[in-house]
Amino acid sequence: MFEVLYQTDIMLLLKWIPFAFPCKLCAVTKVTKNSFDTRHSRASKPFEEIHMDIVGPICPLSREGHRYFLTIVDSCNQYSSTIPVKSKGDVSEVIAQAFEPFYKTPVSISAFGMNC
């Protein structure tokens, strides 16, 4: 009933299966980065330092079609926010909209463990 596939059979089969090529943005974001410096001191004022990260892709999608979440944490008071994002390409617009109500721009932004 069931046949055993040997490694050589699997390799031949894989040559004939069409694979989707990863997008350039996905390849760039999967590059390994250095971990965040643990000797770092906490900011003394709100909006002095903000930490951000993208979580996703998630499956299943949200009802509104969001595949990612942007997480934002203020280093001073630990205020955190999670914002749904439909695609990685929308992240910069979502960040701008997130800070617009505060009429401020963070002094330092840490994204993916790197200071920007």
PDB file of N, CA and C in Angstrom:
ATOM      1  N   MET A   1       0.822  -1.187   0.000  1.00  0.00           N
ATOM      2  CA  MET A   1       0.000   0.000   0.000  1.00  0.00           C
ATOM      3  C   MET A   1       0.873   1.261   0.000  1.00  0.00           C
ATOM      4  N   PHE A   2       1.779   1.378   0.953  1.00  0.00           N
ATOM      5  CA  PHE A   2       2.682   2.522   0.990  1.00  0.00           C
ATOM      6  C   PHE A   2       4.049   2.075   0.515  1.00  0.00           C
ATOM      7  N   GLU A   3       4.677   2.919  -0.274  1.00  0.00           N
ATOM      8  CA  GLU A   3       6.021   2.613  -0.734  1.00  0.00           C
ATOM      9  C   GLU A   3       7.019   3.487   0.007  1.00  0.00           C
ATOM     10  N   VAL A   4       8.212   3.000   0.143  1.00  0.00           N
ATOM     11  CA  VAL A   4       9.261   3.746   0.819  1.00  0.00           C
ATOM     12  C   VAL A   4       9.985   4.599  -0.214  1.00  0.00           C
ATOM     13  N   LEU A   5      10.130   5.878   0.092  1.00  0.00           N
ATOM     14  CA  LEU A   5      10.906   6.765  -0.774  1.00  0.00           C
ATOM     15  C   LEU A   5      12.321   6.842  -0.224  1.00  0.00           C
ATOM     16  N   TYR A   6      13.257   6.539  -1.051  1.00  0.00           N
ATOM     17  CA  TYR A   6      14.646   6.627  -0.641  1.00  0.00           C
ATOM     18  C   TYR A   6      15.167   8.035  -0.921  1.00  0.00           C
ATOM     19  N   GLN A   7      16.268   8.385  -0.300  1.00  0.00           N
ATOM     20  CA  GLN A   7      16.807   9.734  -0.425  1.00  0.00           C
ATOM     21  C   GLN A   7      17.068  10.103  -1.883  1.00  0.00           C
ATOM     22  N   THR A   8      17.571   9.168  -2.673  1.00  0.00           N
ATOM     23  CA  THR A   8      17.821   9.467  -4.090  1.00  0.00           C
ATOM     24  C   THR A   8      16.517   9.762  -4.820  1.00  0.00           C
ATOM     25  N   ASP A   9      15.444   9.036  -4.471  1.00  0.00           N
ATOM     26  CA  ASP A   9      14.136   9.292  -5.085  1.00  0.00           C
ATOM     27  C   ASP A   9      13.623  10.677  -4.707  1.00  0.00           C
ATOM     28  N   ILE A  10      13.820  11.052  -3.457  1.00  0.00           N
ATOM     29  CA  ILE A  10      13.361  12.359  -2.980  1.00  0.00           C
ATOM     30  C   ILE A  10      14.125  13.467  -3.699  1.00  0.00           C
ATOM     31  N   MET A  11      15.439  13.295  -3.867  1.00  0.00           N
ATOM     32  CA  MET A  11      16.239  14.311  -4.551  1.00  0.00           C
ATOM     33  C   MET A  11      15.783  14.474  -5.998  1.00  0.00           C
ATOM     34  N   LEU A  12      15.487  13.369  -6.679  1.00  0.00           N
ATOM     35  CA  LEU A  12      14.985  13.458  -8.054  1.00  0.00           C
ATOM     36  C   LEU A  12      13.625  14.142  -8.095  1.00  0.00           C
ATOM     37  N   LEU A  13      12.774  13.833  -7.137  1.00  0.00           N
ATOM     38  CA  LEU A  13      11.445  14.434  -7.069  1.00  0.00           C
ATOM     39  C   LEU A  13      11.534  15.941  -6.835  1.00  0.00           C
ATOM     40  N   LEU A  14      12.446  16.356  -5.956  1.00  0.00           N
ATOM     41  CA  LEU A  14      12.589  17.774  -5.640  1.00  0.00           C
ATOM     42  C   LEU A  14      13.047  18.598  -6.839  1.00  0.00           C
ATOM     43  N   LYS A  15      13.780  17.975  -7.757  1.00  0.00           N
ATOM     44  CA  LYS A  15      14.234  18.694  -8.948  1.00  0.00           C
ATOM     45  C   LYS A  15      13.060  19.094  -9.844  1.00  0.00           C
ATOM     46  N   TRP A  16      11.967  18.347  -9.781  1.00  0.00           N
ATOM     47  CA  TRP A  16      10.830  18.595 -10.672  1.00  0.00           C
ATOM     48  C   TRP A  16       9.716  19.402 -10.024  1.00  0.00           C
ATOM     49  N   ILE A  17       9.811  19.660  -8.720  1.00  0.00           N
ATOM     50  CA  ILE A  17       8.769  20.437  -8.030  1.00  0.00           C
ATOM     51  C   ILE A  17       9.123  21.914  -8.132  1.00  0.00           C
ATOM     52  N   PRO A  18       8.209  22.733  -8.668  1.00  0.00           N
ATOM     53  CA  PRO A  18       8.508  24.170  -8.750  1.00  0.00           C
ATOM     54  C   PRO A  18       8.414  24.816  -7.368  1.00  0.00           C
ATOM     55  N   PHE A  19       9.452  25.528  -6.985  1.00  0.00           N
ATOM     56  CA  PHE A  19       9.464  26.225  -5.708  1.00  0.00           C
ATOM     57  C   PHE A  19       9.342  27.718  -5.944  1.00  0.00           C
ATOM     58  N   ALA A  20       8.664  28.385  -5.028  1.00  0.00           N
ATOM     59  CA  ALA A  20       8.569  29.843  -5.093  1.00  0.00           C
ATOM     60  C   ALA A  20       9.887  30.423  -4.599  1.00  0.00           C
ATOM     61  N   PHE A  21      10.387  31.421  -5.289  1.00  0.00           N
ATOM     62  CA  PHE A  21      11.621  32.071  -4.868  1.00  0.00           C
ATOM     63  C   PHE A  21      11.300  33.092  -3.791  1.00  0.00           C
ATOM     64  N   PRO A  22      12.089  33.132  -2.715  1.00  0.00           N
ATOM     65  CA  PRO A  22      11.808  34.102  -1.645  1.00  0.00           C
ATOM     66  C   PRO A  22      12.037  35.526  -2.143  1.00  0.00           C
ATOM     67  N   CYS A  23      11.241  36.441  -1.635  1.00  0.00           N
ATOM     68  CA  CYS A  23      11.400  37.839  -2.032  1.00  0.00           C
ATOM     69  C   CYS A  23      12.662  38.415  -1.389  1.00  0.00           C
ATOM     70  N   LYS A  24      13.194  39.471  -1.998  1.00  0.00           N
ATOM     71  CA  LYS A  24      14.429  40.078  -1.512  1.00  0.00           C
ATOM     72  C   LYS A  24      14.258  40.598  -0.084  1.00  0.00           C
ATOM     73  N   LEU A  25      13.097  41.197   0.222  1.00  0.00           N
ATOM     74  CA  LEU A  25      12.843  41.737   1.556  1.00  0.00           C
ATOM     75  C   LEU A  25      12.892  40.632   2.611  1.00  0.00           C
ATOM     76  N   CYS A  26      12.315  39.459   2.307  1.00  0.00           N
ATOM     77  CA  CYS A  26      12.344  38.338   3.258  1.00  0.00           C
ATOM     78  C   CYS A  26      13.783  37.872   3.494  1.00  0.00           C
ATOM     79  N   ALA A  27      14.563  37.792   2.430  1.00  0.00           N
ATOM     80  CA  ALA A  27      15.950  37.345   2.564  1.00  0.00           C
ATOM     81  C   ALA A  27      16.764  38.319   3.403  1.00  0.00           C
ATOM     82  N   VAL A  28      16.551  39.608   3.216  1.00  0.00           N
ATOM     83  CA  VAL A  28      17.297  40.624   3.963  1.00  0.00           C
ATOM     84  C   VAL A  28      16.938  40.581   5.441  1.00  0.00           C
ATOM     85  N   THR A  29      15.659  40.398   5.764  1.00  0.00           N
ATOM     86  CA  THR A  29      15.244  40.419   7.168  1.00  0.00           C
ATOM     87  C   THR A  29      15.650  39.165   7.926  1.00  0.00           C
ATOM     88  N   LYS A  30      15.991  38.092   7.214  1.00  0.00           N
ATOM     89  CA  LYS A  30      16.384  36.857   7.891  1.00  0.00           C
ATOM     90  C   LYS A  30      17.884  36.784   8.163  1.00  0.00           C
ATOM     91  N   VAL A  31      18.624  37.823   7.814  1.00  0.00           N
ATOM     92  CA  VAL A  31      20.063  37.865   8.067  1.00  0.00           C
ATOM     93  C   VAL A  31      20.292  37.926   9.575  1.00  0.00           C
ATOM     94  N   THR A  32      21.233  37.135  10.069  1.00  0.00           N
ATOM     95  CA  THR A  32      21.521  37.106  11.504  1.00  0.00           C
ATOM     96  C   THR A  32      22.174  38.410  11.929  1.00  0.00           C
ATOM     97  N   LYS A  33      21.715  38.946  13.034  1.00  0.00           N
ATOM     98  CA  LYS A  33      22.256  40.195  13.563  1.00  0.00           C
ATOM     99  C   LYS A  33      22.809  39.953  14.968  1.00  0.00           C
ATOM    100  N   ASN A  34      23.667  40.850  15.400  1.00  0.00           N
ATOM    101  CA  ASN A  34      24.219  40.754  16.756  1.00  0.00           C
ATOM    102  C   ASN A  34      23.132  40.974  17.793  1.00  0.00           C
ATOM    103  N   SER A  35      23.279  40.328  18.949  1.00  0.00           N
ATOM    104  CA  SER A  35      22.302  40.532  20.014  1.00  0.00           C
ATOM    105  C   SER A  35      22.457  41.912  20.635  1.00  0.00           C
ATOM    106  N   PHE A  36      21.399  42.328  21.291  1.00  0.00           N
ATOM    107  CA  PHE A  36      21.352  43.648  21.913  1.00  0.00           C
ATOM    108  C   PHE A  36      22.335  43.695  23.075  1.00  0.00           C
ATOM    109  N   ASP A  37      23.031  44.800  23.238  1.00  0.00           N
ATOM    110  CA  ASP A  37      24.021  44.977  24.301  1.00  0.00           C
ATOM    111  C   ASP A  37      23.327  44.959  25.667  1.00  0.00           C
ATOM    112  N   THR A  38      23.689  44.024  26.536  1.00  0.00           N
ATOM    113  CA  THR A  38      23.040  43.885  27.845  1.00  0.00           C
ATOM    114  C   THR A  38      23.528  44.925  28.850  1.00  0.00           C
ATOM    115  N   ARG A  39      24.623  45.629  28.558  1.00  0.00           N
ATOM    116  CA  ARG A  39      25.136  46.648  29.466  1.00  0.00           C
ATOM    117  C   ARG A  39      24.419  47.978  29.279  1.00  0.00           C
ATOM    118  N   HIS A  40      23.378  47.980  28.543  1.00  0.00           N
ATOM    119  CA  HIS A  40      22.640  49.187  28.195  1.00  0.00           C
ATOM    120  C   HIS A  40      21.860  49.721  29.398  1.00  0.00           C
ATOM    121  N   SER A  41      21.882  51.037  29.606  1.00  0.00           N
ATOM    122  CA  SER A  41      21.099  51.630  30.692  1.00  0.00           C
ATOM    123  C   SER A  41      19.767  52.127  30.146  1.00  0.00           C
ATOM    124  N   ARG A  42      18.757  52.116  30.986  1.00  0.00           N
ATOM    125  CA  ARG A  42      17.417  52.530  30.591  1.00  0.00           C
ATOM    126  C   ARG A  42      17.373  54.036  30.339  1.00  0.00           C
ATOM    127  N   ALA A  43      16.535  54.456  29.404  1.00  0.00           N
ATOM    128  CA  ALA A  43      16.379  55.880  29.086  1.00  0.00           C
ATOM    129  C   ALA A  43      15.809  56.624  30.287  1.00  0.00           C
ATOM    130  N   SER A  44      16.139  57.909  30.404  1.00  0.00           N
ATOM    131  CA  SER A  44      15.680  58.704  31.546  1.00  0.00           C
ATOM    132  C   SER A  44      14.372  59.442  31.277  1.00  0.00           C
ATOM    133  N   LYS A  45      13.989  59.607  29.997  1.00  0.00           N
ATOM    134  CA  LYS A  45      12.753  60.311  29.639  1.00  0.00           C
ATOM    135  C   LYS A  45      11.969  59.491  28.622  1.00  0.00           C
ATOM    136  N   PRO A  46      10.624  59.579  28.664  1.00  0.00           N
ATOM    137  CA  PRO A  46       9.827  58.910  27.633  1.00  0.00           C
ATOM    138  C   PRO A  46      10.218  59.411  26.238  1.00  0.00           C
ATOM    139  N   PHE A  47      10.176  58.526  25.275  1.00  0.00           N
ATOM    140  CA  PHE A  47      10.518  58.795  23.874  1.00  0.00           C
ATOM    141  C   PHE A  47      12.005  59.041  23.657  1.00  0.00           C
ATOM    142  N   GLU A  48      12.818  58.857  24.696  1.00  0.00           N
ATOM    143  CA  GLU A  48      14.256  58.999  24.508  1.00  0.00           C
ATOM    144  C   GLU A  48      14.800  57.789  23.749  1.00  0.00           C
ATOM    145  N   GLU A  49      14.250  56.610  24.050  1.00  0.00           N
ATOM    146  CA  GLU A  49      14.666  55.398  23.353  1.00  0.00           C
ATOM    147  C   GLU A  49      13.466  54.476  23.187  1.00  0.00           C
ATOM    148  N   ILE A  50      13.266  54.022  21.964  1.00  0.00           N
ATOM    149  CA  ILE A  50      12.146  53.149  21.620  1.00  0.00           C
ATOM    150  C   ILE A  50      12.714  51.859  21.030  1.00  0.00           C
ATOM    151  N   HIS A  51      12.160  50.716  21.434  1.00  0.00           N
ATOM    152  CA  HIS A  51      12.541  49.417  20.872  1.00  0.00           C
ATOM    153  C   HIS A  51      11.383  48.920  20.015  1.00  0.00           C
ATOM    154  N   MET A  52      11.702  48.451  18.801  1.00  0.00           N
ATOM    155  CA  MET A  52      10.663  47.951  17.901  1.00  0.00           C
ATOM    156  C   MET A  52      11.080  46.616  17.305  1.00  0.00           C
ATOM    157  N   ASP A  53      10.069  45.818  16.968  1.00  0.00           N
ATOM    158  CA  ASP A  53      10.318  44.548  16.297  1.00  0.00           C
ATOM    159  C   ASP A  53       9.089  44.181  15.482  1.00  0.00           C
ATOM    160  N   ILE A  54       9.300  43.386  14.450  1.00  0.00           N
ATOM    161  CA  ILE A  54       8.204  42.874  13.630  1.00  0.00           C
ATOM    162  C   ILE A  54       8.023  41.406  13.989  1.00  0.00           C
ATOM    163  N   VAL A  55       6.793  41.005  14.269  1.00  0.00           N
ATOM    164  CA  VAL A  55       6.466  39.618  14.580  1.00  0.00           C
ATOM    165  C   VAL A  55       5.655  39.074  13.413  1.00  0.00           C
ATOM    166  N   GLY A  56       6.046  37.927  12.897  1.00  0.00           N
ATOM    167  CA  GLY A  56       5.284  37.323  11.816  1.00  0.00           C
ATOM    168  C   GLY A  56       6.206  36.691  10.796  1.00  0.00           C
ATOM    169  N   PRO A  57       5.648  36.155   9.752  1.00  0.00           N
ATOM    170  CA  PRO A  57       4.229  36.154   9.411  1.00  0.00           C
ATOM    171  C   PRO A  57       3.450  35.183  10.287  1.00  0.00           C
ATOM    172  N   ILE A  58       2.223  35.567  10.579  1.00  0.00           N
ATOM    173  CA  ILE A  58       1.367  34.714  11.398  1.00  0.00           C
ATOM    174  C   ILE A  58       0.384  33.977  10.493  1.00  0.00           C
ATOM    175  N   CYS A  59      -0.018  32.824  10.935  1.00  0.00           N
ATOM    176  CA  CYS A  59      -0.984  32.030  10.194  1.00  0.00           C
ATOM    177  C   CYS A  59      -1.928  31.409  11.213  1.00  0.00           C
ATOM    178  N   PRO A  60      -3.197  31.567  11.090  1.00  0.00           N
ATOM    179  CA  PRO A  60      -3.927  32.219  10.001  1.00  0.00           C
ATOM    180  C   PRO A  60      -3.862  33.737  10.126  1.00  0.00           C
ATOM    181  N   LEU A  61      -4.208  34.414   9.030  1.00  0.00           N
ATOM    182  CA  LEU A  61      -4.264  35.873   9.026  1.00  0.00           C
ATOM    183  C   LEU A  61      -5.365  36.354   9.951  1.00  0.00           C
ATOM    184  N   SER A  62      -5.274  37.619  10.364  1.00  0.00           N
ATOM    185  CA  SER A  62      -6.364  38.200  11.148  1.00  0.00           C
ATOM    186  C   SER A  62      -7.579  38.384  10.237  1.00  0.00           C
ATOM    187  N   ARG A  63      -8.722  38.688  10.807  1.00  0.00           N
ATOM    188  CA  ARG A  63      -9.936  38.892  10.002  1.00  0.00           C
ATOM    189  C   ARG A  63      -9.757  40.006   8.981  1.00  0.00           C
ATOM    190  N   GLU A  64      -8.948  41.003   9.336  1.00  0.00           N
ATOM    191  CA  GLU A  64      -8.719  42.141   8.443  1.00  0.00           C
ATOM    192  C   GLU A  64      -7.562  41.895   7.472  1.00  0.00           C
ATOM    193  N   GLY A  65      -6.946  40.715   7.525  1.00  0.00           N
ATOM    194  CA  GLY A  65      -5.872  40.371   6.593  1.00  0.00           C
ATOM    195  C   GLY A  65      -4.477  40.756   7.046  1.00  0.00           C
ATOM    196  N   HIS A  66      -4.293  40.989   8.341  1.00  0.00           N
ATOM    197  CA  HIS A  66      -2.970  41.350   8.859  1.00  0.00           C
ATOM    198  C   HIS A  66      -2.114  40.097   9.016  1.00  0.00           C
ATOM    199  N   ARG A  67      -0.889  40.172   8.518  1.00  0.00           N
ATOM    200  CA  ARG A  67       0.033  39.043   8.558  1.00  0.00           C
ATOM    201  C   ARG A  67       1.157  39.256   9.569  1.00  0.00           C
ATOM    202  N   TYR A  68       1.411  40.514   9.959  1.00  0.00           N
ATOM    203  CA  TYR A  68       2.502  40.856  10.869  1.00  0.00           C
ATOM    204  C   TYR A  68       1.995  41.743  12.000  1.00  0.00           C
ATOM    205  N   PHE A  69       2.817  41.877  13.045  1.00  0.00           N
ATOM    206  CA  PHE A  69       2.548  42.804  14.142  1.00  0.00           C
ATOM    207  C   PHE A  69       3.817  43.590  14.420  1.00  0.00           C
ATOM    208  N   LEU A  70       3.676  44.892  14.580  1.00  0.00           N
ATOM    209  CA  LEU A  70       4.782  45.752  14.981  1.00  0.00           C
ATOM    210  C   LEU A  70       4.678  45.937  16.485  1.00  0.00           C
ATOM    211  N   THR A  71       5.739  45.581  17.222  1.00  0.00           N
ATOM    212  CA  THR A  71       5.743  45.789  18.671  1.00  0.00           C
ATOM    213  C   THR A  71       6.651  46.971  18.981  1.00  0.00           C
ATOM    214  N   ILE A  72       6.177  47.855  19.853  1.00  0.00           N
ATOM    215  CA  ILE A  72       6.919  49.053  20.238  1.00  0.00           C
ATOM    216  C   ILE A  72       6.974  49.103  21.763  1.00  0.00           C
ATOM    217  N   VAL A  73       8.175  49.295  22.327  1.00  0.00           N
ATOM    218  CA  VAL A  73       8.345  49.399  23.780  1.00  0.00           C
ATOM    219  C   VAL A  73       9.198  50.630  24.076  1.00  0.00           C
ATOM    220  N   ASP A  74       8.707  51.489  24.976  1.00  0.00           N
ATOM    221  CA  ASP A  74       9.457  52.666  25.422  1.00  0.00           C
ATOM    222  C   ASP A  74      10.405  52.218  26.529  1.00  0.00           C
ATOM    223  N   SER A  75      11.693  52.492  26.372  1.00  0.00           N
ATOM    224  CA  SER A  75      12.702  52.040  27.327  1.00  0.00           C
ATOM    225  C   SER A  75      12.564  52.696  28.698  1.00  0.00           C
ATOM    226  N   CYS A  76      12.028  53.910  28.768  1.00  0.00           N
ATOM    227  CA  CYS A  76      11.920  54.634  30.036  1.00  0.00           C
ATOM    228  C   CYS A  76      10.824  54.063  30.930  1.00  0.00           C
ATOM    229  N   ASN A  77       9.608  54.008  30.412  1.00  0.00           N
ATOM    230  CA  ASN A  77       8.465  53.623  31.248  1.00  0.00           C
ATOM    231  C   ASN A  77       7.886  52.249  30.904  1.00  0.00           C
ATOM    232  N   GLN A  78       8.519  51.540  29.977  1.00  0.00           N
ATOM    233  CA  GLN A  78       8.086  50.209  29.555  1.00  0.00           C
ATOM    234  C   GLN A  78       6.693  50.201  28.916  1.00  0.00           C
ATOM    235  N   TYR A  79       6.211  51.365  28.474  1.00  0.00           N
ATOM    236  CA  TYR A  79       4.941  51.427  27.746  1.00  0.00           C
ATOM    237  C   TYR A  79       5.101  50.600  26.477  1.00  0.00           C
ATOM    238  N   SER A  80       4.139  49.726  26.217  1.00  0.00           N
ATOM    239  CA  SER A  80       4.242  48.886  25.026  1.00  0.00           C
ATOM    240  C   SER A  80       2.977  48.986  24.188  1.00  0.00           C
ATOM    241  N   SER A  81       3.158  48.750  22.911  1.00  0.00           N
ATOM    242  CA  SER A  81       2.051  48.803  21.973  1.00  0.00           C
ATOM    243  C   SER A  81       2.286  47.758  20.894  1.00  0.00           C
ATOM    244  N   THR A  82       1.214  47.145  20.431  1.00  0.00           N
ATOM    245  CA  THR A  82       1.283  46.187  19.339  1.00  0.00           C
ATOM    246  C   THR A  82       0.329  46.656  18.252  1.00  0.00           C
ATOM    247  N   ILE A  83       0.843  46.803  17.042  1.00  0.00           N
ATOM    248  CA  ILE A  83       0.057  47.335  15.936  1.00  0.00           C
ATOM    249  C   ILE A  83       0.030  46.303  14.810  1.00  0.00           C
ATOM    250  N   PRO A  84      -1.163  45.921  14.329  1.00  0.00           N
ATOM    251  CA  PRO A  84      -1.236  44.970  13.216  1.00  0.00           C
ATOM    252  C   PRO A  84      -0.764  45.607  11.907  1.00  0.00           C
ATOM    253  N   VAL A  85      -0.061  44.816  11.094  1.00  0.00           N
ATOM    254  CA  VAL A  85       0.475  45.287   9.814  1.00  0.00           C
ATOM    255  C   VAL A  85       0.164  44.234   8.751  1.00  0.00           C
ATOM    256  N   LYS A  86      -0.333  44.666   7.593  1.00  0.00           N
ATOM    257  CA  LYS A  86      -0.702  43.717   6.539  1.00  0.00           C
ATOM    258  C   LYS A  86       0.509  43.139   5.817  1.00  0.00           C
ATOM    259  N   SER A  87       1.524  43.964   5.544  1.00  0.00           N
ATOM    260  CA  SER A  87       2.718  43.465   4.852  1.00  0.00           C
ATOM    261  C   SER A  87       3.956  44.194   5.370  1.00  0.00           C
ATOM    262  N   LYS A  88       5.128  43.610   5.132  1.00  0.00           N
ATOM    263  CA  LYS A  88       6.375  44.236   5.591  1.00  0.00           C
ATOM    264  C   LYS A  88       6.589  45.589   4.930  1.00  0.00           C
ATOM    265  N   GLY A  89       6.097  45.742   3.726  1.00  0.00           N
ATOM    266  CA  GLY A  89       6.248  47.001   3.017  1.00  0.00           C
ATOM    267  C   GLY A  89       5.488  48.152   3.652  1.00  0.00           C
ATOM    268  N   ASP A  90       4.511  47.846   4.511  1.00  0.00           N
ATOM    269  CA  ASP A  90       3.703  48.881   5.167  1.00  0.00           C
ATOM    270  C   ASP A  90       4.307  49.366   6.484  1.00  0.00           C
ATOM    271  N   VAL A  91       5.400  48.767   6.933  1.00  0.00           N
ATOM    272  CA  VAL A  91       5.938  49.036   8.268  1.00  0.00           C
ATOM    273  C   VAL A  91       6.324  50.499   8.465  1.00  0.00           C
ATOM    274  N   SER A  92       7.027  51.107   7.509  1.00  0.00           N
ATOM    275  CA  SER A  92       7.466  52.497   7.698  1.00  0.00           C
ATOM    276  C   SER A  92       6.280  53.444   7.833  1.00  0.00           C
ATOM    277  N   GLU A  93       5.227  53.210   7.065  1.00  0.00           N
ATOM    278  CA  GLU A  93       4.024  54.042   7.170  1.00  0.00           C
ATOM    279  C   GLU A  93       3.347  53.843   8.526  1.00  0.00           C
ATOM    280  N   VAL A  94       3.302  52.610   9.007  1.00  0.00           N
ATOM    281  CA  VAL A  94       2.685  52.311  10.304  1.00  0.00           C
ATOM    282  C   VAL A  94       3.478  52.970  11.432  1.00  0.00           C
ATOM    283  N   ILE A  95       4.815  52.965  11.339  1.00  0.00           N
ATOM    284  CA  ILE A  95       5.646  53.612  12.359  1.00  0.00           C
ATOM    285  C   ILE A  95       5.363  55.113  12.393  1.00  0.00           C
ATOM    286  N   ALA A  96       5.304  55.736  11.225  1.00  0.00           N
ATOM    287  CA  ALA A  96       5.023  57.179  11.159  1.00  0.00           C
ATOM    288  C   ALA A  96       3.661  57.494  11.773  1.00  0.00           C
ATOM    289  N   GLN A  97       2.658  56.667  11.484  1.00  0.00           N
ATOM    290  CA  GLN A  97       1.319  56.879  12.040  1.00  0.00           C
ATOM    291  C   GLN A  97       1.304  56.648  13.547  1.00  0.00           C
ATOM    292  N   ALA A  98       2.135  55.726  14.035  1.00  0.00           N
ATOM    293  CA  ALA A  98       2.158  55.419  15.470  1.00  0.00           C
ATOM    294  C   ALA A  98       2.693  56.593  16.283  1.00  0.00           C
ATOM    295  N   PHE A  99       3.672  57.330  15.753  1.00  0.00           N
ATOM    296  CA  PHE A  99       4.277  58.437  16.488  1.00  0.00           C
ATOM    297  C   PHE A  99       3.593  59.776  16.235  1.00  0.00           C
ATOM    298  N   GLU A 100       2.769  59.863  15.217  1.00  0.00           N
ATOM    299  CA  GLU A 100       2.114  61.124  14.858  1.00  0.00           C
ATOM    300  C   GLU A 100       1.297  61.743  15.994  1.00  0.00           C
ATOM    301  N   PRO A 101       0.489  60.986  16.758  1.00  0.00           N
ATOM    302  CA  PRO A 101      -0.304  61.607  17.829  1.00  0.00           C
ATOM    303  C   PRO A 101       0.539  62.232  18.940  1.00  0.00           C
ATOM    304  N   PHE A 102       1.779  61.804  19.092  1.00  0.00           N
ATOM    305  CA  PHE A 102       2.624  62.299  20.178  1.00  0.00           C
ATOM    306  C   PHE A 102       3.386  63.563  19.786  1.00  0.00           C
ATOM    307  N   TYR A 103       3.391  63.902  18.504  1.00  0.00           N
ATOM    308  CA  TYR A 103       4.121  65.068  17.995  1.00  0.00           C
ATOM    309  C   TYR A 103       5.583  65.034  18.413  1.00  0.00           C
ATOM    310  N   LYS A 104       6.134  63.837  18.513  1.00  0.00           N
ATOM    311  CA  LYS A 104       7.531  63.681  18.914  1.00  0.00           C
ATOM    312  C   LYS A 104       8.188  62.633  18.033  1.00  0.00           C
ATOM    313  N   THR A 105       9.493  62.699  17.977  1.00  0.00           N
ATOM    314  CA  THR A 105      10.279  61.680  17.309  1.00  0.00           C
ATOM    315  C   THR A 105      11.258  61.131  18.333  1.00  0.00           C
ATOM    316  N   PRO A 106      11.374  59.811  18.470  1.00  0.00           N
ATOM    317  CA  PRO A 106      12.316  59.247  19.435  1.00  0.00           C
ATOM    318  C   PRO A 106      13.752  59.674  19.138  1.00  0.00           C
ATOM    319  N   VAL A 107      14.539  59.846  20.191  1.00  0.00           N
ATOM    320  CA  VAL A 107      15.951  60.188  20.039  1.00  0.00           C
ATOM    321  C   VAL A 107      16.708  58.986  19.499  1.00  0.00           C
ATOM    322  N   SER A 108      16.372  57.792  19.988  1.00  0.00           N
ATOM    323  CA  SER A 108      17.050  56.566  19.577  1.00  0.00           C
ATOM    324  C   SER A 108      16.011  55.483  19.337  1.00  0.00           C
ATOM    325  N   ILE A 109      16.167  54.769  18.226  1.00  0.00           N
ATOM    326  CA  ILE A 109      15.270  53.656  17.918  1.00  0.00           C
ATOM    327  C   ILE A 109      16.111  52.402  17.811  1.00  0.00           C
ATOM    328  N   SER A 110      15.703  51.356  18.509  1.00  0.00           N
ATOM    329  CA  SER A 110      16.383  50.075  18.438  1.00  0.00           C
ATOM    330  C   SER A 110      15.451  49.101  17.749  1.00  0.00           C
ATOM    331  N   ALA A 111      15.886  48.588  16.605  1.00  0.00           N
ATOM    332  CA  ALA A 111      15.069  47.652  15.844  1.00  0.00           C
ATOM    333  C   ALA A 111      15.858  46.375  15.614  1.00  0.00           C
ATOM    334  N   PHE A 112      15.265  45.239  15.923  1.00  0.00           N
ATOM    335  CA  PHE A 112      15.882  43.945  15.722  1.00  0.00           C
ATOM    336  C   PHE A 112      17.228  43.833  16.429  1.00  0.00           C
ATOM    337  N   GLY A 113      17.349  44.487  17.579  1.00  0.00           N
ATOM    338  CA  GLY A 113      18.578  44.385  18.354  1.00  0.00           C
ATOM    339  C   GLY A 113      19.700  45.294  17.879  1.00  0.00           C
ATOM    340  N   MET A 114      19.414  46.167  16.927  1.00  0.00           N
ATOM    341  CA  MET A 114      20.429  47.087  16.406  1.00  0.00           C
ATOM    342  C   MET A 114      19.989  48.513  16.697  1.00  0.00           C
ATOM    343  N   ASN A 115      20.897  49.388  17.074  1.00  0.00           N
ATOM    344  CA  ASN A 115      20.563  50.802  17.257  1.00  0.00           C
ATOM    345  C   ASN A 115      20.553  51.485  15.902  1.00  0.00           C
ATOM    346  N   CYS A 116      19.511  52.264  15.649  1.00  0.00           N
ATOM    347  CA  CYS A 116      19.380  52.958  14.356  1.00  0.00           C
ATOM    348  C   CYS A 116      19.551  54.449  14.560  1.00  0.00           C
TER     349      CYS A 116
END
